[in-house]
Amino acid sequence: MTGHALTTLPRLCRAMTGICLLALVSFLVPLSASAAKPALTHLSRSETPQLPHVNRAFRFPSDAHQLFFLQRTLNANTVVYTAHFDKSGNLNPDAPVAVYWRRFQEQGQVMALRWYERAFGFGVRIQSTDNPQTLRLTFNGLKSQQLELRQTAPFKAALFARIEDREYRLIYAYLDVDESGLFPKVTRLRLYTNDPHTGLYVTHTIAVSGGAYTE
């Protein structure tokens, strides 16, 4: 192995570590599944009339047809999910969701996902349902958790999840990542949602243990 390869490999491993961990904990694997790694413990649930902004040094994306975004303590770069519609305003059956980086650490430009980010973490898979306005969505990094992508009006859609037997519209996730060790480790997940029944914003705070990457 060349010296260049030896230098590049740890960086690649660290990048893939963050991606896999982000995807693994972002969308709430069942909290009762104690054998799962990393282990998640629901710490609190709080309601607010306004959407909390965890780190005001990090910009919120405001892209057209935005469904969800994900930020981390590592830097301001943000993963954005948007809906794609056809000319009639219906979800595009061939490619209903786009996923990409907003490189806010730089100039805020769009950057495509790298192949390993798409394959092992942030990429999505879509399945049809009996309702043409509802699609099942799973993330490549967490195939056991199904979400619902619903068209709510022409050129409008939202992403929903069931959390503790209640349905919420997803808005964004924020991950606390500890970089003090050899590999990054996710220690806490904050998931920001909206309760469609009350109109309030609901923050779910979840502790993550065993979040270090192992091969």
C-alpha atoms as a PDB file:
ATOM      1  CA  MET A   1       0.000   0.000   0.000  1.00  0.00           C
ATOM      2  CA  THR A   2       1.410   3.421  -0.920  1.00  0.00           C
ATOM      3  CA  GLY A   3       2.012   6.217   1.553  1.00  0.00           C
ATOM      4  CA  HIS A   4      -0.743   8.226  -0.100  1.00  0.00           C
ATOM      5  CA  ALA A   5      -3.202   5.368   0.364  1.00  0.00           C
ATOM      6  CA  LEU A   6      -2.222   5.014   4.025  1.00  0.00           C
ATOM      7  CA  THR A   7      -2.906   8.713   4.508  1.00  0.00           C
ATOM      8  CA  THR A   8      -6.218   8.663   2.662  1.00  0.00           C
ATOM      9  CA  LEU A   9      -7.674   5.510   4.253  1.00  0.00           C
ATOM     10  CA  PRO A  10      -8.142   6.910   7.783  1.00  0.00           C
ATOM     11  CA  ARG A  11      -9.870  10.002   6.359  1.00  0.00           C
ATOM     12  CA  LEU A  12     -12.191   7.797   4.305  1.00  0.00           C
ATOM     13  CA  CYS A  13     -12.954   5.607   7.311  1.00  0.00           C
ATOM     14  CA  ARG A  14     -13.738   8.668   9.428  1.00  0.00           C
ATOM     15  CA  ALA A  15     -16.002  10.067   6.735  1.00  0.00           C
ATOM     16  CA  MET A  16     -17.874   6.799   6.328  1.00  0.00           C
ATOM     17  CA  THR A  17     -18.078   6.426  10.102  1.00  0.00           C
ATOM     18  CA  GLY A  18     -19.919   9.705  10.467  1.00  0.00           C
ATOM     19  CA  ILE A  19     -22.229   8.898   7.589  1.00  0.00           C
ATOM     20  CA  CYS A  20     -23.206   5.449   8.837  1.00  0.00           C
ATOM     21  CA  LEU A  21     -23.721   6.683  12.383  1.00  0.00           C
ATOM     22  CA  LEU A  22     -25.787   9.636  11.284  1.00  0.00           C
ATOM     23  CA  ALA A  23     -28.062   7.478   9.231  1.00  0.00           C
ATOM     24  CA  LEU A  24     -28.242   4.794  11.883  1.00  0.00           C
ATOM     25  CA  VAL A  25     -29.473   7.021  14.679  1.00  0.00           C
ATOM     26  CA  SER A  26     -31.296   9.750  12.771  1.00  0.00           C
ATOM     27  CA  PHE A  27     -34.656   8.144  12.372  1.00  0.00           C
ATOM     28  CA  LEU A  28     -35.355   6.378  15.647  1.00  0.00           C
ATOM     29  CA  VAL A  29     -34.835   2.652  15.577  1.00  0.00           C
ATOM     30  CA  PRO A  30     -37.223   1.100  18.113  1.00  0.00           C
ATOM     31  CA  LEU A  31     -36.105   2.262  21.543  1.00  0.00           C
ATOM     32  CA  SER A  32     -37.030  -1.087  23.080  1.00  0.00           C
ATOM     33  CA  ALA A  33     -34.546  -2.940  20.907  1.00  0.00           C
ATOM     34  CA  SER A  34     -31.798  -3.089  23.524  1.00  0.00           C
ATOM     35  CA  ALA A  35     -29.687  -5.433  21.416  1.00  0.00           C
ATOM     36  CA  ALA A  36     -29.385  -2.886  18.624  1.00  0.00           C
ATOM     37  CA  LYS A  37     -26.211  -0.854  18.267  1.00  0.00           C
ATOM     38  CA  PRO A  38     -25.969   1.979  18.874  1.00  0.00           C
ATOM     39  CA  ALA A  39     -28.398   1.866  21.795  1.00  0.00           C
ATOM     40  CA  LEU A  40     -30.884   4.723  22.004  1.00  0.00           C
ATOM     41  CA  THR A  41     -32.492   6.031  25.185  1.00  0.00           C
ATOM     42  CA  HIS A  42     -35.331   8.525  24.959  1.00  0.00           C
ATOM     43  CA  LEU A  43     -34.487  11.261  27.462  1.00  0.00           C
ATOM     44  CA  SER A  44     -37.147  13.900  26.975  1.00  0.00           C
ATOM     45  CA  ARG A  45     -39.895  15.334  24.829  1.00  0.00           C
ATOM     46  CA  SER A  46     -40.671  19.040  24.873  1.00  0.00           C
ATOM     47  CA  GLU A  47     -43.155  21.263  23.034  1.00  0.00           C
ATOM     48  CA  THR A  48     -42.605  24.832  21.866  1.00  0.00           C
ATOM     49  CA  PRO A  49     -44.652  27.265  19.762  1.00  0.00           C
ATOM     50  CA  GLN A  50     -41.588  28.110  17.628  1.00  0.00           C
ATOM     51  CA  LEU A  51     -39.121  25.797  15.934  1.00  0.00           C
ATOM     52  CA  PRO A  52     -35.887  25.667  17.991  1.00  0.00           C
ATOM     53  CA  HIS A  53     -32.626  26.565  16.257  1.00  0.00           C
ATOM     54  CA  VAL A  54     -29.922  24.502  17.991  1.00  0.00           C
ATOM     55  CA  ASN A  55     -26.838  26.249  16.654  1.00  0.00           C
ATOM     56  CA  ARG A  56     -27.513  29.721  15.285  1.00  0.00           C
ATOM     57  CA  ALA A  57     -24.031  29.747  13.761  1.00  0.00           C
ATOM     58  CA  PHE A  58     -25.362  27.090  11.359  1.00  0.00           C
ATOM     59  CA  ARG A  59     -27.784  28.294   8.721  1.00  0.00           C
ATOM     60  CA  PHE A  60     -31.088  26.555   8.128  1.00  0.00           C
ATOM     61  CA  PRO A  61     -31.556  25.542   4.496  1.00  0.00           C
ATOM     62  CA  SER A  62     -34.672  26.859   2.778  1.00  0.00           C
ATOM     63  CA  ASP A  63     -34.676  24.971  -0.492  1.00  0.00           C
ATOM     64  CA  ALA A  64     -37.705  24.603  -2.718  1.00  0.00           C
ATOM     65  CA  HIS A  65     -39.927  21.639  -1.728  1.00  0.00           C
ATOM     66  CA  GLN A  66     -37.722  20.878   1.285  1.00  0.00           C
ATOM     67  CA  LEU A  67     -38.779  17.833   3.319  1.00  0.00           C
ATOM     68  CA  PHE A  68     -36.080  17.389   5.951  1.00  0.00           C
ATOM     69  CA  PHE A  69     -32.491  18.285   6.782  1.00  0.00           C
ATOM     70  CA  LEU A  70     -29.757  17.016   9.050  1.00  0.00           C
ATOM     71  CA  GLN A  71     -27.023  18.943  10.870  1.00  0.00           C
ATOM     72  CA  ARG A  72     -24.139  17.890  13.124  1.00  0.00           C
ATOM     73  CA  THR A  73     -21.787  19.496  15.610  1.00  0.00           C
ATOM     74  CA  LEU A  74     -18.899  18.700  13.237  1.00  0.00           C
ATOM     75  CA  ASN A  75     -19.504  21.681  10.936  1.00  0.00           C
ATOM     76  CA  ALA A  76     -22.235  23.675   9.215  1.00  0.00           C
ATOM     77  CA  ASN A  77     -22.516  21.392   6.171  1.00  0.00           C
ATOM     78  CA  THR A  78     -26.093  20.116   5.987  1.00  0.00           C
ATOM     79  CA  VAL A  79     -27.789  17.172   4.291  1.00  0.00           C
ATOM     80  CA  VAL A  80     -31.021  18.275   2.591  1.00  0.00           C
ATOM     81  CA  TYR A  81     -33.956  16.170   1.368  1.00  0.00           C
ATOM     82  CA  THR A  82     -36.369  17.707  -1.136  1.00  0.00           C
ATOM     83  CA  ALA A  83     -39.426  16.445  -3.005  1.00  0.00           C
ATOM     84  CA  HIS A  84     -39.575  16.208  -6.798  1.00  0.00           C
ATOM     85  CA  PHE A  85     -42.861  16.831  -8.623  1.00  0.00           C
ATOM     86  CA  ASP A  86     -44.044  16.388 -12.179  1.00  0.00           C
ATOM     87  CA  LYS A  87     -45.605  19.195 -14.235  1.00  0.00           C
ATOM     88  CA  SER A  88     -49.007  18.520 -12.665  1.00  0.00           C
ATOM     89  CA  GLY A  89     -47.681  18.968  -9.151  1.00  0.00           C
ATOM     90  CA  ASN A  90     -47.715  15.276  -8.255  1.00  0.00           C
ATOM     91  CA  LEU A  91     -44.763  13.460  -6.730  1.00  0.00           C
ATOM     92  CA  ASN A  92     -42.490  12.247  -9.519  1.00  0.00           C
ATOM     93  CA  PRO A  93     -42.892   8.430  -9.450  1.00  0.00           C
ATOM     94  CA  ASP A  94     -39.415   7.855 -10.907  1.00  0.00           C
ATOM     95  CA  ALA A  95     -37.488  10.168  -8.574  1.00  0.00           C
ATOM     96  CA  PRO A  96     -39.708  11.620  -5.833  1.00  0.00           C
ATOM     97  CA  VAL A  97     -36.854  12.623  -3.478  1.00  0.00           C
ATOM     98  CA  ALA A  98     -33.510  14.327  -4.006  1.00  0.00           C
ATOM     99  CA  VAL A  99     -30.731  14.227  -1.387  1.00  0.00           C
ATOM    100  CA  TYR A 100     -27.633  16.418  -1.420  1.00  0.00           C
ATOM    101  CA  TRP A 101     -25.249  18.525   0.662  1.00  0.00           C
ATOM    102  CA  ARG A 102     -25.599  22.227   1.292  1.00  0.00           C
ATOM    103  CA  ARG A 103     -21.967  23.157   1.917  1.00  0.00           C
ATOM    104  CA  PHE A 104     -22.607  25.970   4.400  1.00  0.00           C
ATOM    105  CA  GLN A 105     -19.059  25.577   5.707  1.00  0.00           C
ATOM    106  CA  GLU A 106     -18.031  26.954   2.311  1.00  0.00           C
ATOM    107  CA  GLN A 107     -20.308  29.099   0.103  1.00  0.00           C
ATOM    108  CA  GLY A 108     -23.563  27.239   0.682  1.00  0.00           C
ATOM    109  CA  GLN A 109     -23.307  25.505  -2.675  1.00  0.00           C
ATOM    110  CA  VAL A 110     -25.055  22.236  -3.514  1.00  0.00           C
ATOM    111  CA  MET A 111     -22.841  19.155  -3.668  1.00  0.00           C
ATOM    112  CA  ALA A 112     -23.942  15.656  -4.658  1.00  0.00           C
ATOM    113  CA  LEU A 113     -23.592  12.817  -2.177  1.00  0.00           C
ATOM    114  CA  ARG A 114     -20.493  10.691  -2.542  1.00  0.00           C
ATOM    115  CA  TRP A 115     -21.166   7.077  -3.487  1.00  0.00           C
ATOM    116  CA  TYR A 116     -20.569   5.743   0.041  1.00  0.00           C
ATOM    117  CA  GLU A 117     -22.724   8.482   1.569  1.00  0.00           C
ATOM    118  CA  ARG A 118     -25.552   7.486  -0.750  1.00  0.00           C
ATOM    119  CA  ALA A 119     -25.084   3.710  -0.484  1.00  0.00           C
ATOM    120  CA  PHE A 120     -24.502   3.361   3.261  1.00  0.00           C
ATOM    121  CA  GLY A 121     -26.088   6.392   4.814  1.00  0.00           C
ATOM    122  CA  PHE A 122     -28.136   9.228   3.398  1.00  0.00           C
ATOM    123  CA  GLY A 123     -29.541   7.644   0.242  1.00  0.00           C
ATOM    124  CA  VAL A 124     -33.204   6.612   0.229  1.00  0.00           C
ATOM    125  CA  ARG A 125     -35.358   3.840  -1.161  1.00  0.00           C
ATOM    126  CA  ILE A 126     -38.956   4.414  -2.161  1.00  0.00           C
ATOM    127  CA  GLN A 127     -41.860   1.961  -2.275  1.00  0.00           C
ATOM    128  CA  SER A 128     -45.333   2.591  -3.603  1.00  0.00           C
ATOM    129  CA  THR A 129     -48.485   2.066  -1.551  1.00  0.00           C
ATOM    130  CA  ASP A 130     -52.163   1.608  -2.353  1.00  0.00           C
ATOM    131  CA  ASN A 131     -52.529   5.370  -2.050  1.00  0.00           C
ATOM    132  CA  PRO A 132     -50.877   7.138  -5.019  1.00  0.00           C
ATOM    133  CA  GLN A 133     -50.264  10.189  -2.819  1.00  0.00           C
ATOM    134  CA  THR A 134     -48.354   8.231  -0.172  1.00  0.00           C
ATOM    135  CA  LEU A 135     -44.984   6.529  -0.557  1.00  0.00           C
ATOM    136  CA  ARG A 136     -42.953   4.487   1.898  1.00  0.00           C
ATOM    137  CA  LEU A 137     -39.433   5.761   2.390  1.00  0.00           C
ATOM    138  CA  THR A 138     -36.455   4.042   3.988  1.00  0.00           C
ATOM    139  CA  PHE A 139     -32.899   5.260   4.411  1.00  0.00           C
ATOM    140  CA  ASN A 140     -30.069   3.083   3.155  1.00  0.00           C
ATOM    141  CA  GLY A 141     -28.371   3.416   6.524  1.00  0.00           C
ATOM    142  CA  LEU A 142     -31.434   2.242   8.433  1.00  0.00           C
ATOM    143  CA  LYS A 143     -33.619  -0.019   6.332  1.00  0.00           C
ATOM    144  CA  SER A 144     -35.677  -1.285   9.267  1.00  0.00           C
ATOM    145  CA  GLN A 145     -37.343   2.088   9.880  1.00  0.00           C
ATOM    146  CA  GLN A 146     -40.089   3.061   7.449  1.00  0.00           C
ATOM    147  CA  LEU A 147     -41.285   6.610   7.040  1.00  0.00           C
ATOM    148  CA  GLU A 148     -44.156   7.945   4.955  1.00  0.00           C
ATOM    149  CA  LEU A 149     -43.777  10.566   2.255  1.00  0.00           C
ATOM    150  CA  ARG A 150     -47.173  12.141   1.685  1.00  0.00           C
ATOM    151  CA  GLN A 151     -48.371  14.605  -0.874  1.00  0.00           C
ATOM    152  CA  THR A 152     -50.405  17.173   1.029  1.00  0.00           C
ATOM    153  CA  ALA A 153     -51.332  19.449  -1.911  1.00  0.00           C
ATOM    154  CA  PRO A 154     -50.136  20.088  -5.469  1.00  0.00           C
ATOM    155  CA  PHE A 155     -46.375  20.726  -5.309  1.00  0.00           C
ATOM    156  CA  LYS A 156     -46.369  20.096  -1.552  1.00  0.00           C
ATOM    157  CA  ALA A 157     -45.282  17.019   0.421  1.00  0.00           C
ATOM    158  CA  ALA A 158     -44.128  16.119   3.936  1.00  0.00           C
ATOM    159  CA  LEU A 159     -42.291  13.316   5.684  1.00  0.00           C
ATOM    160  CA  PHE A 160     -43.944  11.566   8.650  1.00  0.00           C
ATOM    161  CA  ALA A 161     -42.759   9.136  11.340  1.00  0.00           C
ATOM    162  CA  ARG A 162     -44.375   7.348  14.270  1.00  0.00           C
ATOM    163  CA  ILE A 163     -42.546   8.026  17.533  1.00  0.00           C
ATOM    164  CA  GLU A 164     -43.822   6.440  20.727  1.00  0.00           C
ATOM    165  CA  ASP A 165     -47.173   5.608  19.111  1.00  0.00           C
ATOM    166  CA  ARG A 166     -47.761   9.143  17.899  1.00  0.00           C
ATOM    167  CA  GLU A 167     -47.349  10.577  14.420  1.00  0.00           C
ATOM    168  CA  TYR A 168     -45.100  13.570  13.755  1.00  0.00           C
ATOM    169  CA  ARG A 169     -43.988  15.509  10.714  1.00  0.00           C
ATOM    170  CA  LEU A 170     -40.199  15.507  10.501  1.00  0.00           C
ATOM    171  CA  ILE A 171     -38.400  18.834  10.139  1.00  0.00           C
ATOM    172  CA  TYR A 172     -34.746  18.306  11.012  1.00  0.00           C
ATOM    173  CA  ALA A 173     -32.269  16.359  13.123  1.00  0.00           C
ATOM    174  CA  TYR A 174     -29.183  17.541  15.000  1.00  0.00           C
ATOM    175  CA  LEU A 175     -26.438  15.153  16.087  1.00  0.00           C
ATOM    176  CA  ASP A 176     -23.839  15.683  18.791  1.00  0.00           C
ATOM    177  CA  VAL A 177     -20.643  13.964  17.650  1.00  0.00           C
ATOM    178  CA  ASP A 178     -17.633  13.307  19.911  1.00  0.00           C
ATOM    179  CA  GLU A 179     -14.395  13.386  17.915  1.00  0.00           C
ATOM    180  CA  SER A 180     -12.008  12.877  20.832  1.00  0.00           C
ATOM    181  CA  GLY A 181     -11.316   9.217  19.997  1.00  0.00           C
ATOM    182  CA  LEU A 182      -9.927   7.423  16.973  1.00  0.00           C
ATOM    183  CA  PHE A 183     -13.349   7.398  15.311  1.00  0.00           C
ATOM    184  CA  PRO A 184     -16.252   9.849  15.650  1.00  0.00           C
ATOM    185  CA  LYS A 185     -18.971   8.796  18.056  1.00  0.00           C
ATOM    186  CA  VAL A 186     -22.551  10.044  18.147  1.00  0.00           C
ATOM    187  CA  THR A 187     -23.581  10.809  21.726  1.00  0.00           C
ATOM    188  CA  ARG A 188     -26.949  12.525  21.359  1.00  0.00           C
ATOM    189  CA  LEU A 189     -29.696  12.977  18.793  1.00  0.00           C
ATOM    190  CA  ARG A 190     -32.192  15.813  18.840  1.00  0.00           C
ATOM    191  CA  LEU A 191     -35.080  15.301  16.447  1.00  0.00           C
ATOM    192  CA  TYR A 192     -37.274  18.307  15.672  1.00  0.00           C
ATOM    193  CA  THR A 193     -40.809  17.587  14.554  1.00  0.00           C
ATOM    194  CA  ASN A 194     -44.245  19.107  14.290  1.00  0.00           C
ATOM    195  CA  ASP A 195     -47.354  17.625  15.873  1.00  0.00           C
ATOM    196  CA  PRO A 196     -50.060  17.904  13.192  1.00  0.00           C
ATOM    197  CA  HIS A 197     -52.791  17.645  15.850  1.00  0.00           C
ATOM    198  CA  THR A 198     -51.638  20.556  18.023  1.00  0.00           C
ATOM    199  CA  GLY A 199     -49.495  22.583  15.627  1.00  0.00           C
ATOM    200  CA  LEU A 200     -46.705  22.679  18.241  1.00  0.00           C
ATOM    201  CA  TYR A 201     -43.071  21.869  17.557  1.00  0.00           C
ATOM    202  CA  VAL A 202     -41.878  18.811  19.449  1.00  0.00           C
ATOM    203  CA  THR A 203     -38.228  18.158  20.304  1.00  0.00           C
ATOM    204  CA  HIS A 204     -37.246  14.546  21.002  1.00  0.00           C
ATOM    205  CA  THR A 205     -33.919  14.261  22.835  1.00  0.00           C
ATOM    206  CA  ILE A 206     -32.297  10.830  22.622  1.00  0.00           C
ATOM    207  CA  ALA A 207     -29.054   9.625  24.205  1.00  0.00           C
ATOM    208  CA  VAL A 208     -26.865   7.408  22.033  1.00  0.00           C
ATOM    209  CA  SER A 209     -24.463   4.862  23.505  1.00  0.00           C
ATOM    210  CA  GLY A 210     -22.240   2.412  21.683  1.00  0.00           C
ATOM    211  CA  GLY A 211     -22.241   4.761  18.713  1.00  0.00           C
ATOM    212  CA  ALA A 212     -18.597   4.241  17.792  1.00  0.00           C
ATOM    213  CA  TYR A 213     -17.911   2.636  14.436  1.00  0.00           C
ATOM    214  CA  THR A 214     -16.618  -0.920  14.467  1.00  0.00           C
ATOM    215  CA  GLU A 215     -15.790  -3.172  11.538  1.00  0.00           C
END
